Structure formats: C-alpha cells, structure tokens
C-alpha cells in the first residue's frame, strides 16, 4: 500500500485549503499562515500531519 504525498506541503492540515497561484509556497518558505482559516504552520510539521492523516485514512 502506498500513501501519496501529493500537495502535502501546500495543504493546510487544519482546514484542507490548498495553496495555489501566488500563494503557493516556495522551498524557502518554512512558516506560513493559511489564508482560509488563519492557522499558523511550520512547514515540516504541517507536512507530517498531512502524511499521517493520509496514512491513517488508508487503514
């Protein structure tokens, strides 16, 4: 079983909003605030939460 990591960096782990266009993160962005729900994210922690959620959803 493979868990895809598509959009895990660009997706808010709180509300699911996906950053696109001018809001899309670059490799230099390590902190960001979701424009939809206002939650502050540390990039690596947000990615980990998204990957964990996707993995748990496959169980």
PDB file of N, CA and C in Angstrom:
ATOM      1  N   UNK A   1       0.844  -1.176   0.000  1.00  0.00           N
ATOM      2  CA  UNK A   1       0.000   0.000   0.000  1.00  0.00           C
ATOM      3  C   UNK A   1       0.890   1.240   0.000  1.00  0.00           C
ATOM      4  N   UNK A   2       0.599   2.172  -0.883  1.00  0.00           N
ATOM      5  CA  UNK A   2       1.374   3.397  -0.990  1.00  0.00           C
ATOM      6  C   UNK A   2       0.500   4.593  -0.647  1.00  0.00           C
ATOM      7  N   UNK A   3       1.029   5.467   0.195  1.00  0.00           N
ATOM      8  CA  UNK A   3       0.326   6.704   0.526  1.00  0.00           C
ATOM      9  C   UNK A   3       0.955   7.809  -0.300  1.00  0.00           C
ATOM     10  N   UNK A   4       0.152   8.473  -1.102  1.00  0.00           N
ATOM     11  CA  UNK A   4       0.670   9.554  -1.933  1.00  0.00           C
ATOM     12  C   UNK A   4       0.893  10.808  -1.090  1.00  0.00           C
ATOM     13  N   UNK A   5       1.934  11.538  -1.411  1.00  0.00           N
ATOM     14  CA  UNK A   5       2.225  12.756  -0.663  1.00  0.00           C
ATOM     15  C   UNK A   5       1.913  13.998  -1.485  1.00  0.00           C
ATOM     16  N   UNK A   6       1.071  13.863  -2.472  1.00  0.00           N
ATOM     17  CA  UNK A   6       0.732  14.992  -3.339  1.00  0.00           C
ATOM     18  C   UNK A   6       0.079  16.116  -2.531  1.00  0.00           C
ATOM     19  N   UNK A   7       0.584  17.324  -2.725  1.00  0.00           N
ATOM     20  CA  UNK A   7       0.074  18.538  -2.097  1.00  0.00           C
ATOM     21  C   UNK A   7       0.197  18.576  -0.571  1.00  0.00           C
ATOM     22  N   UNK A   8       0.986  17.704   0.027  1.00  0.00           N
ATOM     23  CA  UNK A   8       1.082  17.722   1.482  1.00  0.00           C
ATOM     24  C   UNK A   8       1.738  18.990   2.002  1.00  0.00           C
ATOM     25  N   UNK A   9       2.601  19.603   1.214  1.00  0.00           N
ATOM     26  CA  UNK A   9       3.249  20.846   1.623  1.00  0.00           C
ATOM     27  C   UNK A   9       2.298  22.025   1.468  1.00  0.00           C
ATOM     28  N   UNK A  10       1.506  22.014   0.423  1.00  0.00           N
ATOM     29  CA  UNK A  10       0.648  23.144   0.079  1.00  0.00           C
ATOM     30  C   UNK A  10      -0.740  23.072   0.718  1.00  0.00           C
ATOM     31  N   UNK A  11      -1.023  22.007   1.475  1.00  0.00           N
ATOM     32  CA  UNK A  11      -2.345  21.804   2.064  1.00  0.00           C
ATOM     33  C   UNK A  11      -2.340  22.110   3.549  1.00  0.00           C
ATOM     34  N   UNK A  12      -3.309  22.900   3.997  1.00  0.00           N
ATOM     35  CA  UNK A  12      -3.457  23.204   5.421  1.00  0.00           C
ATOM     36  C   UNK A  12      -3.951  21.947   6.131  1.00  0.00           C
ATOM     37  N   UNK A  13      -3.216  21.496   7.132  1.00  0.00           N
ATOM     38  CA  UNK A  13      -3.599  20.287   7.861  1.00  0.00           C
ATOM     39  C   UNK A  13      -4.803  20.530   8.765  1.00  0.00           C
ATOM     40  N   UNK A  14      -5.190  21.773   8.943  1.00  0.00           N
ATOM     41  CA  UNK A  14      -6.332  22.097   9.802  1.00  0.00           C
ATOM     42  C   UNK A  14      -7.648  22.135   9.012  1.00  0.00           C
ATOM     43  N   UNK A  15      -7.656  22.847   7.881  1.00  0.00           N
ATOM     44  CA  UNK A  15      -8.914  23.012   7.141  1.00  0.00           C
ATOM     45  C   UNK A  15      -8.917  22.377   5.748  1.00  0.00           C
ATOM     46  N   UNK A  16      -7.726  21.970   5.255  1.00  0.00           N
ATOM     47  CA  UNK A  16      -7.648  21.332   3.946  1.00  0.00           C
ATOM     48  C   UNK A  16      -7.467  22.271   2.772  1.00  0.00           C
ATOM     49  N   UNK A  17      -7.375  23.567   3.033  1.00  0.00           N
ATOM     50  CA  UNK A  17      -7.173  24.545   1.957  1.00  0.00           C
ATOM     51  C   UNK A  17      -5.850  24.260   1.250  1.00  0.00           C
ATOM     52  N   UNK A  18      -5.851  24.284  -0.090  1.00  0.00           N
ATOM     53  CA  UNK A  18      -4.647  24.053  -0.876  1.00  0.00           C
ATOM     54  C   UNK A  18      -4.169  25.374  -1.460  1.00  0.00           C
ATOM     55  N   UNK A  19      -2.920  25.720  -1.178  1.00  0.00           N
ATOM     56  CA  UNK A  19      -2.337  26.949  -1.696  1.00  0.00           C
ATOM     57  C   UNK A  19      -2.075  26.808  -3.186  1.00  0.00           C
ATOM     58  N   UNK A  20      -2.444  27.821  -3.948  1.00  0.00           N
ATOM     59  CA  UNK A  20      -2.229  27.814  -5.398  1.00  0.00           C
ATOM     60  C   UNK A  20      -1.796  29.203  -5.842  1.00  0.00           C
ATOM     61  N   UNK A  21      -1.365  29.287  -7.081  1.00  0.00           N
ATOM     62  CA  UNK A  21      -1.006  30.572  -7.673  1.00  0.00           C
ATOM     63  C   UNK A  21       0.034  31.329  -6.884  1.00  0.00           C
ATOM     64  N   UNK A  22      -0.227  32.618  -6.643  1.00  0.00           N
ATOM     65  CA  UNK A  22       0.745  33.470  -5.946  1.00  0.00           C
ATOM     66  C   UNK A  22       0.920  33.086  -4.480  1.00  0.00           C
ATOM     67  N   UNK A  23      -0.014  32.317  -3.913  1.00  0.00           N
ATOM     68  CA  UNK A  23       0.084  31.891  -2.518  1.00  0.00           C
ATOM     69  C   UNK A  23       0.899  30.611  -2.335  1.00  0.00           C
ATOM     70  N   UNK A  24       1.239  29.943  -3.444  1.00  0.00           N
ATOM     71  CA  UNK A  24       1.950  28.668  -3.373  1.00  0.00           C
ATOM     72  C   UNK A  24       3.309  28.851  -2.697  1.00  0.00           C
ATOM     73  N   UNK A  25       3.669  27.932  -1.824  1.00  0.00           N
ATOM     74  CA  UNK A  25       4.923  28.005  -1.090  1.00  0.00           C
ATOM     75  C   UNK A  25       6.117  27.706  -1.990  1.00  0.00           C
ATOM     76  N   UNK A  26       7.239  28.319  -1.669  1.00  0.00           N
ATOM     77  CA  UNK A  26       8.500  28.007  -2.334  1.00  0.00           C
ATOM     78  C   UNK A  26       9.324  27.168  -1.367  1.00  0.00           C
ATOM     79  N   UNK A  27      10.450  26.649  -1.823  1.00  0.00           N
ATOM     80  CA  UNK A  27      11.306  25.850  -0.943  1.00  0.00           C
ATOM     81  C   UNK A  27      11.867  26.669   0.213  1.00  0.00           C
ATOM     82  N   UNK A  28      11.942  27.986   0.050  1.00  0.00           N
ATOM     83  CA  UNK A  28      12.464  28.857   1.106  1.00  0.00           C
ATOM     84  C   UNK A  28      11.439  29.134   2.208  1.00  0.00           C
ATOM     85  N   UNK A  29      10.170  28.858   1.955  1.00  0.00           N
ATOM     86  CA  UNK A  29       9.120  29.131   2.938  1.00  0.00           C
ATOM     87  C   UNK A  29       9.055  28.009   3.974  1.00  0.00           C
ATOM     88  N   UNK A  30       9.449  28.323   5.202  1.00  0.00           N
ATOM     89  CA  UNK A  30       9.391  27.288   6.246  1.00  0.00           C
ATOM     90  C   UNK A  30       8.267  27.563   7.253  1.00  0.00           C
ATOM     91  N   UNK A  31       7.634  28.730   7.156  1.00  0.00           N
ATOM     92  CA  UNK A  31       6.495  29.081   8.002  1.00  0.00           C
ATOM     93  C   UNK A  31       5.449  29.738   7.119  1.00  0.00           C
ATOM     94  N   UNK A  32       4.180  29.478   7.418  1.00  0.00           N
ATOM     95  CA  UNK A  32       3.116  30.127   6.663  1.00  0.00           C
ATOM     96  C   UNK A  32       1.819  30.105   7.452  1.00  0.00           C
ATOM     97  N   UNK A  33       0.928  31.009   7.079  1.00  0.00           N
ATOM     98  CA  UNK A  33      -0.388  31.096   7.700  1.00  0.00           C
ATOM     99  C   UNK A  33      -1.434  30.815   6.630  1.00  0.00           C
ATOM    100  N   UNK A  34      -2.360  29.931   6.933  1.00  0.00           N
ATOM    101  CA  UNK A  34      -3.396  29.559   5.979  1.00  0.00           C
ATOM    102  C   UNK A  34      -4.297  30.774   5.711  1.00  0.00           C
ATOM    103  N   UNK A  35      -4.474  31.127   4.436  1.00  0.00           N
ATOM    104  CA  UNK A  35      -5.324  32.272   4.112  1.00  0.00           C
ATOM    105  C   UNK A  35      -6.809  31.986   4.328  1.00  0.00           C
ATOM    106  N   UNK A  36      -7.167  30.717   4.488  1.00  0.00           N
ATOM    107  CA  UNK A  36      -8.567  30.345   4.664  1.00  0.00           C
ATOM    108  C   UNK A  36      -8.990  30.330   6.130  1.00  0.00           C
ATOM    109  N   UNK A  37      -8.201  29.654   6.981  1.00  0.00           N
ATOM    110  CA  UNK A  37      -8.604  29.520   8.389  1.00  0.00           C
ATOM    111  C   UNK A  37      -7.725  30.309   9.353  1.00  0.00           C
ATOM    112  N   UNK A  38      -6.572  30.827   8.874  1.00  0.00           N
ATOM    113  CA  UNK A  38      -5.715  31.655   9.714  1.00  0.00           C
ATOM    114  C   UNK A  38      -4.763  30.904  10.626  1.00  0.00           C
ATOM    115  N   UNK A  39      -4.699  29.582  10.505  1.00  0.00           N
ATOM    116  CA  UNK A  39      -3.797  28.782  11.345  1.00  0.00           C
ATOM    117  C   UNK A  39      -2.356  28.972  10.869  1.00  0.00           C
ATOM    118  N   UNK A  40      -1.445  29.186  11.825  1.00  0.00           N
ATOM    119  CA  UNK A  40      -0.015  29.321  11.537  1.00  0.00           C
ATOM    120  C   UNK A  40       0.604  27.934  11.460  1.00  0.00           C
ATOM    121  N   UNK A  41       1.433  27.698  10.449  1.00  0.00           N
ATOM    122  CA  UNK A  41       2.075  26.388  10.256  1.00  0.00           C
ATOM    123  C   UNK A  41       3.583  26.513  10.175  1.00  0.00           C
ATOM    124  N   UNK A  42       4.264  25.528  10.735  1.00  0.00           N
ATOM    125  CA  UNK A  42       5.663  25.266  10.447  1.00  0.00           C
ATOM    126  C   UNK A  42       5.609  24.215   9.334  1.00  0.00           C
ATOM    127  N   UNK A  43       6.276  24.474   8.231  1.00  0.00           N
ATOM    128  CA  UNK A  43       6.153  23.650   7.035  1.00  0.00           C
ATOM    129  C   UNK A  43       6.326  22.149   7.304  1.00  0.00           C
ATOM    130  N   UNK A  44       7.408  21.757   7.953  1.00  0.00           N
ATOM    131  CA  UNK A  44       7.683  20.330   8.164  1.00  0.00           C
ATOM    132  C   UNK A  44       6.635  19.669   9.057  1.00  0.00           C
ATOM    133  N   UNK A  45       6.178  20.370  10.066  1.00  0.00           N
ATOM    134  CA  UNK A  45       5.162  19.826  10.966  1.00  0.00           C
ATOM    135  C   UNK A  45       3.831  19.656  10.218  1.00  0.00           C
ATOM    136  N   UNK A  46       3.478  20.636   9.410  1.00  0.00           N
ATOM    137  CA  UNK A  46       2.250  20.558   8.622  1.00  0.00           C
ATOM    138  C   UNK A  46       2.294  19.369   7.654  1.00  0.00           C
ATOM    139  N   UNK A  47       3.430  19.188   6.984  1.00  0.00           N
ATOM    140  CA  UNK A  47       3.588  18.056   6.060  1.00  0.00           C
ATOM    141  C   UNK A  47       3.430  16.734   6.813  1.00  0.00           C
ATOM    142  N   UNK A  48       4.065  16.631   7.970  1.00  0.00           N
ATOM    143  CA  UNK A  48       3.980  15.400   8.766  1.00  0.00           C
ATOM    144  C   UNK A  48       2.539  15.104   9.165  1.00  0.00           C
ATOM    145  N   UNK A  49       1.801  16.127   9.566  1.00  0.00           N
ATOM    146  CA  UNK A  49       0.395  15.930   9.940  1.00  0.00           C
ATOM    147  C   UNK A  49      -0.428  15.468   8.735  1.00  0.00           C
ATOM    148  N   UNK A  50      -0.170  16.048   7.561  1.00  0.00           N
ATOM    149  CA  UNK A  50      -0.907  15.652   6.363  1.00  0.00           C
ATOM    150  C   UNK A  50      -0.599  14.221   5.951  1.00  0.00           C
ATOM    151  N   UNK A  51       0.661  13.830   6.003  1.00  0.00           N
ATOM    152  CA  UNK A  51       1.038  12.463   5.628  1.00  0.00           C
ATOM    153  C   UNK A  51       0.470  11.461   6.631  1.00  0.00           C
ATOM    154  N   UNK A  52       0.515  11.786   7.911  1.00  0.00           N
ATOM    155  CA  UNK A  52      -0.071  10.914   8.928  1.00  0.00           C
ATOM    156  C   UNK A  52      -1.568  10.731   8.678  1.00  0.00           C
ATOM    157  N   UNK A  53      -2.276  11.809   8.418  1.00  0.00           N
ATOM    158  CA  UNK A  53      -3.721  11.730   8.180  1.00  0.00           C
ATOM    159  C   UNK A  53      -4.025  10.869   6.948  1.00  0.00           C
ATOM    160  N   UNK A  54      -3.237  11.032   5.893  1.00  0.00           N
ATOM    161  CA  UNK A  54      -3.460  10.219   4.686  1.00  0.00           C
ATOM    162  C   UNK A  54      -3.187   8.740   4.966  1.00  0.00           C
ATOM    163  N   UNK A  55      -2.152   8.468   5.746  1.00  0.00           N
ATOM    164  CA  UNK A  55      -1.843   7.085   6.101  1.00  0.00           C
ATOM    165  C   UNK A  55      -2.932   6.460   6.950  1.00  0.00           C
ATOM    166  N   UNK A  56      -3.402   7.188   7.957  1.00  0.00           N
ATOM    167  CA  UNK A  56      -4.459   6.675   8.825  1.00  0.00           C
ATOM    168  C   UNK A  56      -5.761   6.455   8.059  1.00  0.00           C
ATOM    169  N   UNK A  57      -6.003   7.276   7.057  1.00  0.00           N
ATOM    170  CA  UNK A  57      -7.222   7.142   6.259  1.00  0.00           C
ATOM    171  C   UNK A  57      -7.236   5.858   5.436  1.00  0.00           C
ATOM    172  N   UNK A  58      -6.053   5.273   5.201  1.00  0.00           N
ATOM    173  CA  UNK A  58      -5.990   4.056   4.401  1.00  0.00           C
ATOM    174  C   UNK A  58      -6.165   2.790   5.242  1.00  0.00           C
ATOM    175  N   UNK A  59      -6.125   2.936   6.555  1.00  0.00           N
ATOM    176  CA  UNK A  59      -6.256   1.758   7.428  1.00  0.00           C
ATOM    177  C   UNK A  59      -7.663   1.199   7.451  1.00  0.00           C
TER     178      UNK A  59
END
